[in-house]
Amino acid sequence: MAMALTRASCCSLARQRNPLRSIFLRNPHHQRIRFRHPLQSFKSYPAGFQHRVRAIHEATVEPITSNKQNEPQPQNWNIKMLYDGDCPLCMREVNMLRERNESYGTIKFVDISSDEYSPEENQGLDYKTVMGRIHAILSDGTVVTDVEAFRKLYEEVGLGWVYAVTKYEPIATIADAIYGVWAKYRLQVTGRPPLEEILDTRKKKDEICNNSNACKM
């Protein structure tokens, strides 16, 4: 008897805690309920439920993009970061450094995926070369790559401790090896086409731009 009462009490509580189930039980025409969209509700709504579903349905997520191409660049920068603005994972780190750099003004950011990118202004580093691995340029013209580039960049915005251990062996060699694997498979991991295909697409775009005014609009 005690167990029967317990089951009855649990069932009663379950019905009270699940208003949607109660609607199904009270609605003799519940067989006609249809779902037109995973987030669309049915024809009969509990009070206020329709507005909550609509709010979820209309919510949007802002993509992580290089949305600061026209940002003012520091005049007296200490290091220039060459980054791939088409890489979603890379942009997470770039945007973090940008926010930190607002207080320091020591990093100049250069998007190599931009049509305005000029190798001549960046120590002769062309798009294909910089796409292979991270490159940064010091104010004296010195080019640094791999984990050393990250370490220099982080030092300029007060986060040098993050990569401090990579100054010493064997950590430096291990860190560069791990980064090398990431750099090799970066395009594949982020769902982008092979570098050769990207280069071919850029070449065709340049040919079209050179033969028309379409890219100048």
N, C-alpha and C. Protein backbone atom coordinates (compact mmCIF):
# COMPACT_ATOMS: atom_id res chain seq x y z
N MET A 1 0.84 -1.21 0.00
CA MET A 1 0.00 0.00 0.00
C MET A 1 0.87 1.25 0.00
N ALA A 2 1.92 1.23 0.86
CA ALA A 2 2.81 2.41 0.92
C ALA A 2 3.48 2.65 -0.42
N MET A 3 3.87 1.56 -1.05
CA MET A 3 4.53 1.71 -2.36
C MET A 3 3.56 2.23 -3.41
N ALA A 4 2.31 1.77 -3.33
CA ALA A 4 1.30 2.23 -4.28
C ALA A 4 1.05 3.72 -4.10
N LEU A 5 0.95 4.16 -2.84
CA LEU A 5 0.74 5.59 -2.56
C LEU A 5 1.92 6.41 -3.05
N THR A 6 3.12 5.86 -2.86
CA THR A 6 4.33 6.58 -3.31
C THR A 6 4.32 6.76 -4.81
N ARG A 7 3.96 5.68 -5.55
CA ARG A 7 3.91 5.77 -7.01
C ARG A 7 2.86 6.76 -7.44
N ALA A 8 1.72 6.76 -6.76
CA ALA A 8 0.65 7.69 -7.11
C ALA A 8 1.09 9.12 -6.87
N SER A 9 1.78 9.34 -5.77
CA SER A 9 2.27 10.69 -5.45
C SER A 9 3.28 11.15 -6.48
N CYS A 10 4.19 10.27 -6.89
CA CYS A 10 5.21 10.62 -7.89
C CYS A 10 4.58 10.97 -9.22
N CYS A 11 3.57 10.18 -9.61
CA CYS A 11 2.89 10.45 -10.89
C CYS A 11 2.20 11.80 -10.82
N SER A 12 1.59 12.11 -9.67
CA SER A 12 0.91 13.39 -9.51
C SER A 12 1.89 14.54 -9.61
N LEU A 13 3.05 14.39 -8.96
CA LEU A 13 4.08 15.44 -9.02
C LEU A 13 4.62 15.60 -10.43
N ALA A 14 4.80 14.47 -11.13
CA ALA A 14 5.32 14.54 -12.49
C ALA A 14 4.39 15.32 -13.39
N ARG A 15 3.04 15.10 -13.17
CA ARG A 15 2.08 15.84 -14.00
C ARG A 15 2.13 17.32 -13.69
N GLN A 16 2.35 17.67 -12.42
CA GLN A 16 2.40 19.08 -12.06
C GLN A 16 3.66 19.74 -12.58
N ARG A 17 4.75 19.02 -12.61
CA ARG A 17 6.02 19.61 -13.05
C ARG A 17 6.16 19.64 -14.55
N ASN A 18 5.34 18.94 -15.25
CA ASN A 18 5.45 18.90 -16.71
C ASN A 18 4.16 19.45 -17.32
N PRO A 19 4.03 20.78 -17.47
CA PRO A 19 2.80 21.37 -18.00
C PRO A 19 2.50 20.92 -19.42
N LEU A 20 3.54 20.61 -20.20
CA LEU A 20 3.31 20.20 -21.59
C LEU A 20 2.57 18.86 -21.62
N ARG A 21 2.98 17.96 -20.69
CA ARG A 21 2.32 16.65 -20.64
C ARG A 21 0.86 16.80 -20.24
N SER A 22 0.59 17.75 -19.34
CA SER A 22 -0.78 17.97 -18.92
C SER A 22 -1.63 18.46 -20.07
N ILE A 23 -1.04 19.29 -20.92
CA ILE A 23 -1.79 19.79 -22.09
C ILE A 23 -2.17 18.64 -23.01
N PHE A 24 -1.20 17.74 -23.25
CA PHE A 24 -1.49 16.59 -24.11
C PHE A 24 -2.62 15.75 -23.52
N LEU A 25 -2.62 15.54 -22.19
CA LEU A 25 -3.63 14.70 -21.57
C LEU A 25 -5.00 15.35 -21.60
N ARG A 26 -5.05 16.69 -21.47
CA ARG A 26 -6.34 17.37 -21.45
C ARG A 26 -6.88 17.66 -22.85
N ASN A 27 -6.01 17.65 -23.84
CA ASN A 27 -6.43 18.02 -25.19
C ASN A 27 -6.87 16.78 -25.95
N PRO A 28 -8.17 16.62 -26.22
CA PRO A 28 -8.65 15.41 -26.92
C PRO A 28 -8.19 15.36 -28.37
N HIS A 29 -7.71 16.51 -28.90
CA HIS A 29 -7.29 16.54 -30.30
C HIS A 29 -5.78 16.64 -30.41
N HIS A 30 -5.09 16.09 -29.43
CA HIS A 30 -3.65 16.25 -29.45
C HIS A 30 -3.00 15.54 -30.63
N GLN A 31 -3.74 14.59 -31.25
CA GLN A 31 -3.17 13.91 -32.41
C GLN A 31 -2.94 14.87 -33.57
N ARG A 32 -3.64 16.05 -33.56
CA ARG A 32 -3.53 16.97 -34.68
C ARG A 32 -2.37 17.95 -34.51
N ILE A 33 -1.69 17.89 -33.39
CA ILE A 33 -0.59 18.81 -33.16
C ILE A 33 0.54 18.51 -34.12
N ARG A 34 1.08 19.57 -34.75
CA ARG A 34 2.14 19.38 -35.73
C ARG A 34 3.31 20.30 -35.38
N PHE A 35 4.51 19.83 -35.68
CA PHE A 35 5.70 20.64 -35.48
C PHE A 35 6.28 20.97 -36.85
N ARG A 36 6.27 22.27 -37.16
CA ARG A 36 6.77 22.69 -38.47
C ARG A 36 8.25 23.04 -38.44
N HIS A 37 8.82 23.22 -37.26
CA HIS A 37 10.22 23.60 -37.11
C HIS A 37 10.68 23.11 -35.75
N PRO A 38 11.95 22.69 -35.61
CA PRO A 38 12.39 22.19 -34.30
C PRO A 38 12.14 23.16 -33.16
N LEU A 39 12.11 24.48 -33.43
CA LEU A 39 11.89 25.44 -32.36
C LEU A 39 10.50 26.04 -32.40
N GLN A 40 9.65 25.63 -33.37
CA GLN A 40 8.29 26.13 -33.41
C GLN A 40 7.43 25.32 -32.45
N SER A 41 6.53 25.98 -31.77
CA SER A 41 5.68 25.29 -30.83
C SER A 41 4.44 24.78 -31.54
N PHE A 42 3.52 24.21 -30.78
CA PHE A 42 2.31 23.65 -31.36
C PHE A 42 1.18 24.66 -31.27
N LYS A 43 -0.04 24.23 -31.68
CA LYS A 43 -1.15 25.17 -31.81
C LYS A 43 -1.63 25.69 -30.47
N SER A 44 -1.51 24.92 -29.41
CA SER A 44 -1.95 25.37 -28.10
C SER A 44 -0.73 25.62 -27.24
N TYR A 45 -0.61 26.82 -26.64
CA TYR A 45 0.56 27.18 -25.86
C TYR A 45 0.17 27.41 -24.40
N PRO A 46 1.03 27.02 -23.48
CA PRO A 46 0.85 27.48 -22.10
C PRO A 46 1.08 28.98 -22.06
N ALA A 47 0.61 29.64 -21.04
CA ALA A 47 0.73 31.09 -20.95
C ALA A 47 2.19 31.51 -21.01
N GLY A 48 2.50 32.43 -21.95
CA GLY A 48 3.85 32.97 -22.07
C GLY A 48 4.82 32.08 -22.81
N PHE A 49 4.43 30.85 -23.14
CA PHE A 49 5.37 29.91 -23.76
C PHE A 49 5.70 30.32 -25.19
N GLN A 50 4.71 30.86 -25.91
CA GLN A 50 4.90 31.23 -27.30
C GLN A 50 5.99 32.29 -27.45
N HIS A 51 6.02 33.25 -26.53
CA HIS A 51 7.00 34.33 -26.64
C HIS A 51 8.40 33.83 -26.34
N ARG A 52 8.51 32.88 -25.42
CA ARG A 52 9.83 32.34 -25.12
C ARG A 52 10.39 31.57 -26.31
N VAL A 53 9.56 30.77 -26.96
CA VAL A 53 9.99 30.03 -28.14
C VAL A 53 10.40 30.98 -29.25
N ARG A 54 9.61 32.04 -29.45
CA ARG A 54 9.91 33.00 -30.51
C ARG A 54 11.25 33.68 -30.25
N ALA A 55 11.54 33.99 -29.00
CA ALA A 55 12.80 34.65 -28.66
C ALA A 55 13.98 33.75 -28.98
N ILE A 56 13.83 32.45 -28.69
CA ILE A 56 14.90 31.50 -29.00
C ILE A 56 15.06 31.35 -30.50
N HIS A 57 13.94 31.26 -31.21
CA HIS A 57 13.95 31.04 -32.65
C HIS A 57 14.61 32.20 -33.39
N GLU A 58 14.41 33.44 -32.89
CA GLU A 58 14.91 34.60 -33.59
C GLU A 58 16.31 35.00 -33.14
N ALA A 59 16.86 34.27 -32.17
CA ALA A 59 18.19 34.62 -31.69
C ALA A 59 19.23 34.32 -32.76
N THR A 60 20.26 35.17 -32.86
CA THR A 60 21.32 34.98 -33.83
C THR A 60 22.66 35.00 -33.11
N VAL A 61 23.64 34.38 -33.74
CA VAL A 61 24.98 34.34 -33.18
C VAL A 61 25.91 35.08 -34.11
N GLU A 62 26.70 36.00 -33.57
CA GLU A 62 27.62 36.78 -34.38
C GLU A 62 28.84 35.94 -34.70
N PRO A 63 29.21 35.81 -35.98
CA PRO A 63 30.38 35.02 -36.33
C PRO A 63 31.66 35.72 -35.91
N ILE A 64 32.71 34.91 -35.71
CA ILE A 64 34.01 35.47 -35.36
C ILE A 64 34.71 35.83 -36.65
N THR A 65 34.85 37.10 -36.94
CA THR A 65 35.45 37.54 -38.19
C THR A 65 36.43 38.66 -37.93
N SER A 66 37.17 38.97 -38.99
CA SER A 66 38.09 40.10 -38.91
C SER A 66 37.30 41.37 -39.20
N ASN A 67 36.68 41.93 -38.17
CA ASN A 67 35.77 43.04 -38.35
C ASN A 67 36.38 44.39 -37.98
N LYS A 68 37.74 44.44 -37.89
CA LYS A 68 38.38 45.68 -37.52
C LYS A 68 39.44 46.08 -38.55
N GLN A 69 39.14 45.87 -39.82
CA GLN A 69 40.12 46.17 -40.84
C GLN A 69 40.41 47.67 -40.93
N ASN A 70 39.47 48.49 -40.53
CA ASN A 70 39.64 49.93 -40.60
C ASN A 70 40.05 50.54 -39.26
N GLU A 71 40.43 49.68 -38.31
CA GLU A 71 40.83 50.18 -37.01
C GLU A 71 42.12 50.98 -37.12
N PRO A 72 42.29 52.03 -36.31
CA PRO A 72 43.53 52.81 -36.34
C PRO A 72 44.71 51.97 -35.87
N GLN A 73 45.80 52.00 -36.62
CA GLN A 73 46.98 51.23 -36.27
C GLN A 73 47.95 52.12 -35.49
N PRO A 74 48.63 51.57 -34.49
CA PRO A 74 49.59 52.36 -33.71
C PRO A 74 50.74 52.84 -34.59
N GLN A 75 51.18 54.08 -34.38
CA GLN A 75 52.29 54.63 -35.15
C GLN A 75 53.63 54.08 -34.67
N ASN A 76 53.78 53.96 -33.37
CA ASN A 76 55.05 53.50 -32.79
C ASN A 76 54.92 52.05 -32.32
N TRP A 77 54.65 51.15 -33.24
CA TRP A 77 54.48 49.76 -32.88
C TRP A 77 55.84 49.09 -32.69
N ASN A 78 55.83 48.03 -31.88
CA ASN A 78 57.06 47.27 -31.62
C ASN A 78 57.12 45.98 -32.42
N ILE A 79 55.95 45.48 -32.79
CA ILE A 79 55.89 44.22 -33.53
C ILE A 79 54.65 44.22 -34.42
N LYS A 80 54.80 43.61 -35.57
CA LYS A 80 53.70 43.53 -36.54
C LYS A 80 53.27 42.07 -36.65
N MET A 81 52.00 41.82 -36.46
CA MET A 81 51.47 40.45 -36.53
C MET A 81 50.81 40.23 -37.88
N LEU A 82 51.30 39.26 -38.63
CA LEU A 82 50.69 38.88 -39.90
C LEU A 82 49.75 37.71 -39.63
N TYR A 83 48.47 37.91 -39.86
CA TYR A 83 47.50 36.87 -39.51
C TYR A 83 46.56 36.59 -40.67
N ASP A 84 45.97 35.41 -40.63
CA ASP A 84 45.02 34.97 -41.66
C ASP A 84 43.60 35.30 -41.20
N GLY A 85 43.04 36.36 -41.76
CA GLY A 85 41.70 36.79 -41.36
C GLY A 85 40.59 35.85 -41.76
N ASP A 86 40.88 34.86 -42.59
CA ASP A 86 39.86 33.88 -42.99
C ASP A 86 39.86 32.64 -42.10
N CYS A 87 40.73 32.62 -41.10
CA CYS A 87 40.83 31.46 -40.21
C CYS A 87 40.03 31.74 -38.94
N PRO A 88 38.91 31.04 -38.73
CA PRO A 88 38.05 31.32 -37.57
C PRO A 88 38.73 31.08 -36.22
N LEU A 89 39.52 30.02 -36.11
CA LEU A 89 40.20 29.76 -34.85
C LEU A 89 41.31 30.79 -34.60
N CYS A 90 42.01 31.16 -35.67
CA CYS A 90 43.06 32.17 -35.53
C CYS A 90 42.48 33.50 -35.06
N MET A 91 41.29 33.83 -35.54
CA MET A 91 40.69 35.12 -35.20
C MET A 91 40.32 35.23 -33.73
N ARG A 92 40.09 34.12 -33.07
CA ARG A 92 39.82 34.16 -31.63
C ARG A 92 41.03 34.75 -30.91
N GLU A 93 42.21 34.26 -31.27
CA GLU A 93 43.43 34.74 -30.62
C GLU A 93 43.75 36.17 -31.05
N VAL A 94 43.56 36.46 -32.33
CA VAL A 94 43.82 37.81 -32.84
C VAL A 94 42.95 38.83 -32.11
N ASN A 95 41.68 38.53 -31.98
CA ASN A 95 40.76 39.46 -31.32
C ASN A 95 41.10 39.64 -29.84
N MET A 96 41.57 38.57 -29.20
CA MET A 96 41.99 38.70 -27.81
C MET A 96 43.19 39.64 -27.70
N LEU A 97 44.17 39.46 -28.61
CA LEU A 97 45.35 40.32 -28.60
C LEU A 97 44.98 41.77 -28.94
N ARG A 98 44.02 41.94 -29.82
CA ARG A 98 43.55 43.29 -30.17
C ARG A 98 42.99 44.01 -28.94
N GLU A 99 42.19 43.30 -28.19
CA GLU A 99 41.60 43.90 -27.00
C GLU A 99 42.69 44.29 -26.00
N ARG A 100 43.67 43.42 -25.81
CA ARG A 100 44.77 43.73 -24.91
C ARG A 100 45.59 44.90 -25.46
N ASN A 101 45.74 44.95 -26.76
CA ASN A 101 46.58 45.96 -27.39
C ASN A 101 45.98 47.37 -27.28
N GLU A 102 44.69 47.45 -26.99
CA GLU A 102 44.07 48.75 -26.82
C GLU A 102 44.71 49.53 -25.68
N SER A 103 45.24 48.82 -24.71
CA SER A 103 45.89 49.47 -23.57
C SER A 103 47.40 49.64 -23.77
N TYR A 104 47.97 48.96 -24.78
CA TYR A 104 49.41 49.01 -24.98
C TYR A 104 49.81 49.72 -26.27
N GLY A 105 49.09 49.47 -27.35
CA GLY A 105 49.40 50.10 -28.64
C GLY A 105 50.74 49.71 -29.20
N THR A 106 51.17 48.49 -28.94
CA THR A 106 52.50 48.05 -29.37
C THR A 106 52.48 47.07 -30.54
N ILE A 107 51.29 46.58 -30.90
CA ILE A 107 51.17 45.59 -31.98
C ILE A 107 50.43 46.21 -33.17
N LYS A 108 50.98 46.01 -34.35
CA LYS A 108 50.29 46.39 -35.58
C LYS A 108 49.78 45.11 -36.24
N PHE A 109 48.50 45.07 -36.55
CA PHE A 109 47.88 43.87 -37.10
C PHE A 109 47.74 44.00 -38.62
N VAL A 110 48.19 42.97 -39.33
CA VAL A 110 48.13 42.97 -40.80
C VAL A 110 47.44 41.69 -41.26
N ASP A 111 46.31 41.85 -41.94
CA ASP A 111 45.54 40.71 -42.43
C ASP A 111 46.06 40.30 -43.81
N ILE A 112 46.69 39.14 -43.89
CA ILE A 112 47.27 38.70 -45.15
C ILE A 112 46.21 38.28 -46.16
N SER A 113 44.98 38.02 -45.69
CA SER A 113 43.90 37.61 -46.60
C SER A 113 43.26 38.82 -47.28
N SER A 114 43.61 40.02 -46.85
CA SER A 114 43.05 41.23 -47.43
C SER A 114 43.60 41.47 -48.83
N ASP A 115 42.78 42.04 -49.69
CA ASP A 115 43.23 42.37 -51.05
C ASP A 115 44.33 43.43 -51.02
N GLU A 116 44.42 44.17 -49.92
CA GLU A 116 45.41 45.24 -49.82
C GLU A 116 46.75 44.75 -49.26
N TYR A 117 46.85 43.47 -48.94
CA TYR A 117 48.10 42.99 -48.37
C TYR A 117 49.24 43.14 -49.38
N SER A 118 50.36 43.69 -48.92
CA SER A 118 51.51 43.93 -49.79
C SER A 118 52.76 43.28 -49.23
N PRO A 119 53.32 42.29 -49.91
CA PRO A 119 54.57 41.67 -49.45
C PRO A 119 55.71 42.70 -49.34
N GLU A 120 55.71 43.68 -50.25
CA GLU A 120 56.77 44.68 -50.25
C GLU A 120 56.81 45.47 -48.94
N GLU A 121 55.67 45.62 -48.29
CA GLU A 121 55.61 46.37 -47.04
C GLU A 121 55.83 45.48 -45.82
N ASN A 122 56.05 44.19 -46.09
CA ASN A 122 56.21 43.23 -44.99
C ASN A 122 57.39 42.30 -45.23
N GLN A 123 58.53 42.88 -45.43
CA GLN A 123 59.80 42.16 -45.56
C GLN A 123 59.77 41.12 -46.69
N GLY A 124 58.97 41.37 -47.72
CA GLY A 124 58.91 40.46 -48.87
C GLY A 124 58.19 39.15 -48.61
N LEU A 125 57.47 39.06 -47.52
CA LEU A 125 56.75 37.82 -47.19
C LEU A 125 55.47 37.74 -47.99
N ASP A 126 55.39 36.78 -48.92
CA ASP A 126 54.20 36.66 -49.75
C ASP A 126 53.11 35.85 -49.03
N TYR A 127 51.93 35.85 -49.65
CA TYR A 127 50.77 35.20 -49.04
C TYR A 127 51.02 33.72 -48.77
N LYS A 128 51.60 33.00 -49.74
CA LYS A 128 51.82 31.57 -49.59
C LYS A 128 52.76 31.27 -48.42
N THR A 129 53.81 32.06 -48.29
CA THR A 129 54.77 31.84 -47.21
C THR A 129 54.14 32.04 -45.85
N VAL A 130 53.39 33.14 -45.70
CA VAL A 130 52.80 33.46 -44.40
C VAL A 130 51.66 32.52 -44.05
N MET A 131 51.01 31.95 -45.06
CA MET A 131 49.95 30.98 -44.79
C MET A 131 50.50 29.69 -44.21
N GLY A 132 51.79 29.44 -44.41
CA GLY A 132 52.39 28.19 -43.93
C GLY A 132 52.57 28.13 -42.44
N ARG A 133 52.81 29.30 -41.81
CA ARG A 133 53.04 29.35 -40.37
C ARG A 133 52.97 30.80 -39.91
N ILE A 134 52.84 31.02 -38.63
CA ILE A 134 52.73 32.36 -38.08
C ILE A 134 54.02 33.14 -38.31
N HIS A 135 53.88 34.40 -38.76
CA HIS A 135 55.01 35.30 -38.93
C HIS A 135 54.73 36.61 -38.20
N ALA A 136 55.78 37.17 -37.62
CA ALA A 136 55.69 38.50 -37.02
C ALA A 136 56.96 39.25 -37.38
N ILE A 137 56.85 40.57 -37.45
CA ILE A 137 57.99 41.41 -37.84
C ILE A 137 58.25 42.43 -36.75
N LEU A 138 59.47 42.45 -36.22
CA LEU A 138 59.84 43.42 -35.21
C LEU A 138 60.06 44.78 -35.87
N SER A 139 60.04 45.82 -35.07
CA SER A 139 60.17 47.18 -35.60
C SER A 139 61.50 47.41 -36.31
N ASP A 140 62.54 46.60 -36.00
CA ASP A 140 63.83 46.75 -36.67
C ASP A 140 63.92 45.90 -37.94
N GLY A 141 62.80 45.23 -38.32
CA GLY A 141 62.76 44.45 -39.54
C GLY A 141 63.02 42.97 -39.35
N THR A 142 63.35 42.55 -38.14
CA THR A 142 63.61 41.14 -37.87
C THR A 142 62.31 40.33 -37.98
N VAL A 143 62.36 39.21 -38.71
CA VAL A 143 61.20 38.34 -38.87
C VAL A 143 61.30 37.18 -37.88
N VAL A 144 60.25 36.96 -37.11
CA VAL A 144 60.20 35.83 -36.19
C VAL A 144 59.01 34.95 -36.56
N THR A 145 59.16 33.65 -36.32
CA THR A 145 58.12 32.71 -36.70
C THR A 145 57.83 31.74 -35.56
N ASP A 146 56.82 30.90 -35.80
CA ASP A 146 56.46 29.81 -34.90
C ASP A 146 56.19 30.31 -33.47
N VAL A 147 56.55 29.51 -32.48
CA VAL A 147 56.23 29.83 -31.09
C VAL A 147 56.93 31.11 -30.64
N GLU A 148 58.09 31.40 -31.19
CA GLU A 148 58.79 32.64 -30.83
C GLU A 148 57.95 33.86 -31.19
N ALA A 149 57.23 33.79 -32.32
CA ALA A 149 56.37 34.90 -32.72
C ALA A 149 55.25 35.10 -31.69
N PHE A 150 54.64 34.02 -31.26
CA PHE A 150 53.59 34.12 -30.24
C PHE A 150 54.16 34.70 -28.93
N ARG A 151 55.36 34.25 -28.56
CA ARG A 151 55.96 34.72 -27.32
C ARG A 151 56.22 36.23 -27.38
N LYS A 152 56.73 36.70 -28.50
CA LYS A 152 57.00 38.14 -28.66
C LYS A 152 55.70 38.94 -28.62
N LEU A 153 54.67 38.43 -29.28
CA LEU A 153 53.38 39.13 -29.31
C LEU A 153 52.76 39.21 -27.91
N TYR A 154 52.80 38.10 -27.20
CA TYR A 154 52.21 38.07 -25.86
C TYR A 154 52.98 38.96 -24.89
N GLU A 155 54.29 39.03 -25.06
CA GLU A 155 55.09 39.90 -24.21
C GLU A 155 54.70 41.36 -24.36
N GLU A 156 54.30 41.74 -25.58
CA GLU A 156 53.98 43.14 -25.85
C GLU A 156 52.66 43.59 -25.22
N VAL A 157 51.84 42.65 -24.81
CA VAL A 157 50.56 43.03 -24.19
C VAL A 157 50.44 42.51 -22.75
N GLY A 158 51.59 42.34 -22.12
CA GLY A 158 51.60 41.97 -20.71
C GLY A 158 51.27 40.52 -20.39
N LEU A 159 51.39 39.63 -21.40
CA LEU A 159 51.10 38.22 -21.18
C LEU A 159 52.31 37.33 -21.45
N GLY A 160 53.48 37.89 -21.24
CA GLY A 160 54.70 37.14 -21.53
C GLY A 160 54.84 35.85 -20.75
N TRP A 161 54.21 35.80 -19.58
CA TRP A 161 54.32 34.60 -18.74
C TRP A 161 53.70 33.37 -19.41
N VAL A 162 52.77 33.59 -20.34
CA VAL A 162 52.09 32.46 -20.98
C VAL A 162 53.09 31.59 -21.75
N TYR A 163 54.00 32.24 -22.47
CA TYR A 163 54.97 31.50 -23.29
C TYR A 163 56.39 31.57 -22.73
N ALA A 164 56.55 32.05 -21.50
CA ALA A 164 57.89 32.23 -20.94
C ALA A 164 58.70 30.93 -20.93
N VAL A 165 58.05 29.82 -20.63
CA VAL A 165 58.76 28.55 -20.52
C VAL A 165 59.31 28.09 -21.86
N THR A 166 58.76 28.60 -22.98
CA THR A 166 59.23 28.17 -24.30
C THR A 166 60.57 28.79 -24.68
N LYS A 167 61.15 29.60 -23.80
CA LYS A 167 62.47 30.15 -24.07
C LYS A 167 63.56 29.11 -23.84
N TYR A 168 63.24 28.08 -23.11
CA TYR A 168 64.25 27.14 -22.67
C TYR A 168 64.08 25.77 -23.33
N GLU A 169 65.23 25.13 -23.53
CA GLU A 169 65.24 23.77 -24.08
C GLU A 169 65.04 22.76 -22.96
N PRO A 170 64.41 21.62 -23.24
CA PRO A 170 63.92 21.18 -24.55
C PRO A 170 62.49 21.67 -24.86
N ILE A 171 61.93 22.50 -23.97
CA ILE A 171 60.56 22.96 -24.17
C ILE A 171 60.41 23.71 -25.50
N ALA A 172 61.40 24.52 -25.85
CA ALA A 172 61.32 25.31 -27.09
C ALA A 172 61.16 24.41 -28.31
N THR A 173 61.97 23.36 -28.38
CA THR A 173 61.91 22.44 -29.52
C THR A 173 60.59 21.68 -29.54
N ILE A 174 60.13 21.24 -28.39
CA ILE A 174 58.86 20.50 -28.31
C ILE A 174 57.69 21.40 -28.71
N ALA A 175 57.70 22.64 -28.22
CA ALA A 175 56.62 23.57 -28.54
C ALA A 175 56.57 23.86 -30.03
N ASP A 176 57.73 24.06 -30.65
CA ASP A 176 57.76 24.32 -32.09
C ASP A 176 57.27 23.11 -32.88
N ALA A 177 57.61 21.90 -32.40
CA ALA A 177 57.17 20.69 -33.09
C ALA A 177 55.65 20.55 -33.03
N ILE A 178 55.09 20.84 -31.86
CA ILE A 178 53.62 20.76 -31.71
C ILE A 178 52.95 21.80 -32.59
N TYR A 179 53.49 23.02 -32.60
CA TYR A 179 52.91 24.06 -33.44
C TYR A 179 53.03 23.69 -34.92
N GLY A 180 54.15 23.05 -35.28
CA GLY A 180 54.34 22.65 -36.67
C GLY A 180 53.24 21.71 -37.16
N VAL A 181 52.80 20.81 -36.29
CA VAL A 181 51.70 19.90 -36.65
C VAL A 181 50.41 20.68 -36.87
N TRP A 182 50.14 21.62 -35.95
CA TRP A 182 48.94 22.45 -36.10
C TRP A 182 48.99 23.25 -37.40
N ALA A 183 50.15 23.86 -37.70
CA ALA A 183 50.29 24.67 -38.90
C ALA A 183 50.08 23.83 -40.17
N LYS A 184 50.54 22.59 -40.12
CA LYS A 184 50.43 21.71 -41.28
C LYS A 184 48.99 21.34 -41.59
N TYR A 185 48.20 21.12 -40.54
CA TYR A 185 46.82 20.65 -40.73
C TYR A 185 45.77 21.73 -40.41
N ARG A 186 46.20 22.97 -40.26
CA ARG A 186 45.29 24.05 -39.86
C ARG A 186 44.11 24.21 -40.81
N LEU A 187 44.37 24.21 -42.10
CA LEU A 187 43.29 24.40 -43.07
C LEU A 187 42.30 23.24 -43.03
N GLN A 188 42.83 22.04 -42.92
CA GLN A 188 41.97 20.85 -42.87
C GLN A 188 41.13 20.85 -41.60
N VAL A 189 41.73 21.19 -40.46
CA VAL A 189 41.02 21.20 -39.19
C VAL A 189 39.89 22.22 -39.19
N THR A 190 40.11 23.37 -39.82
CA THR A 190 39.10 24.44 -39.83
C THR A 190 38.14 24.32 -41.00
N GLY A 191 38.19 23.19 -41.74
CA GLY A 191 37.22 22.95 -42.79
C GLY A 191 37.43 23.78 -44.05
N ARG A 192 38.65 24.18 -44.33
CA ARG A 192 38.93 24.99 -45.51
C ARG A 192 39.61 24.14 -46.58
N PRO A 193 39.59 24.59 -47.82
CA PRO A 193 40.23 23.81 -48.90
C PRO A 193 41.75 23.83 -48.77
N PRO A 194 42.43 22.97 -49.50
CA PRO A 194 43.90 22.94 -49.45
C PRO A 194 44.49 24.28 -49.91
N LEU A 195 45.72 24.55 -49.49
CA LEU A 195 46.36 25.83 -49.81
C LEU A 195 46.46 26.04 -51.32
N GLU A 196 46.75 24.97 -52.06
CA GLU A 196 46.87 25.10 -53.51
C GLU A 196 45.57 25.61 -54.13
N GLU A 197 44.46 25.12 -53.62
CA GLU A 197 43.16 25.55 -54.13
C GLU A 197 42.87 27.01 -53.75
N ILE A 198 43.26 27.39 -52.55
CA ILE A 198 43.08 28.77 -52.12
C ILE A 198 43.93 29.71 -52.98
N LEU A 199 45.17 29.31 -53.25
CA LEU A 199 46.05 30.12 -54.08
C LEU A 199 45.50 30.26 -55.50
N ASP A 200 44.95 29.19 -56.03
CA ASP A 200 44.37 29.22 -57.37
C ASP A 200 43.17 30.17 -57.43
N THR A 201 42.34 30.12 -56.39
CA THR A 201 41.18 31.01 -56.32
C THR A 201 41.61 32.47 -56.25
N ARG A 202 42.62 32.76 -55.44
CA ARG A 202 43.12 34.13 -55.34
C ARG A 202 43.73 34.60 -56.66
N LYS A 203 44.41 33.70 -57.36
CA LYS A 203 45.01 34.06 -58.64
C LYS A 203 43.94 34.42 -59.67
N LYS A 204 42.87 33.61 -59.70
CA LYS A 204 41.79 33.90 -60.65
C LYS A 204 41.10 35.22 -60.30
N LYS A 205 40.95 35.47 -58.99
CA LYS A 205 40.33 36.72 -58.56
C LYS A 205 41.19 37.91 -58.97
N ASP A 206 42.51 37.78 -58.82
CA ASP A 206 43.41 38.87 -59.22
C ASP A 206 43.33 39.12 -60.72
N GLU A 207 43.23 38.06 -61.51
CA GLU A 207 43.13 38.22 -62.96
C GLU A 207 41.86 38.96 -63.34
N ILE A 208 40.74 38.61 -62.65
CA ILE A 208 39.47 39.29 -62.93
C ILE A 208 39.57 40.76 -62.53
N CYS A 209 40.18 41.02 -61.38
CA CYS A 209 40.30 42.40 -60.90
C CYS A 209 41.19 43.23 -61.81
N ASN A 210 42.24 42.61 -62.35
CA ASN A 210 43.16 43.33 -63.23
C ASN A 210 42.53 43.65 -64.59
N ASN A 211 41.53 42.85 -64.97
CA ASN A 211 40.91 43.05 -66.29
C ASN A 211 39.60 43.81 -66.23
N SER A 212 39.18 44.20 -65.03
CA SER A 212 37.93 44.95 -64.90
C SER A 212 38.01 45.86 -63.68
N ASN A 213 36.97 46.64 -63.51
CA ASN A 213 36.92 47.53 -62.37
C ASN A 213 36.03 46.97 -61.26
N ALA A 214 35.71 45.67 -61.36
CA ALA A 214 34.76 45.08 -60.41
C ALA A 214 35.29 45.14 -58.98
N CYS A 215 36.59 44.93 -58.80
CA CYS A 215 37.16 44.89 -57.45
C CYS A 215 37.42 46.29 -56.88
N LYS A 216 37.27 47.30 -57.69
CA LYS A 216 37.54 48.66 -57.24
C LYS A 216 36.29 49.38 -56.77
N MET A 217 35.15 48.70 -56.87
CA MET A 217 33.90 49.33 -56.47
C MET A 217 33.77 49.30 -54.96
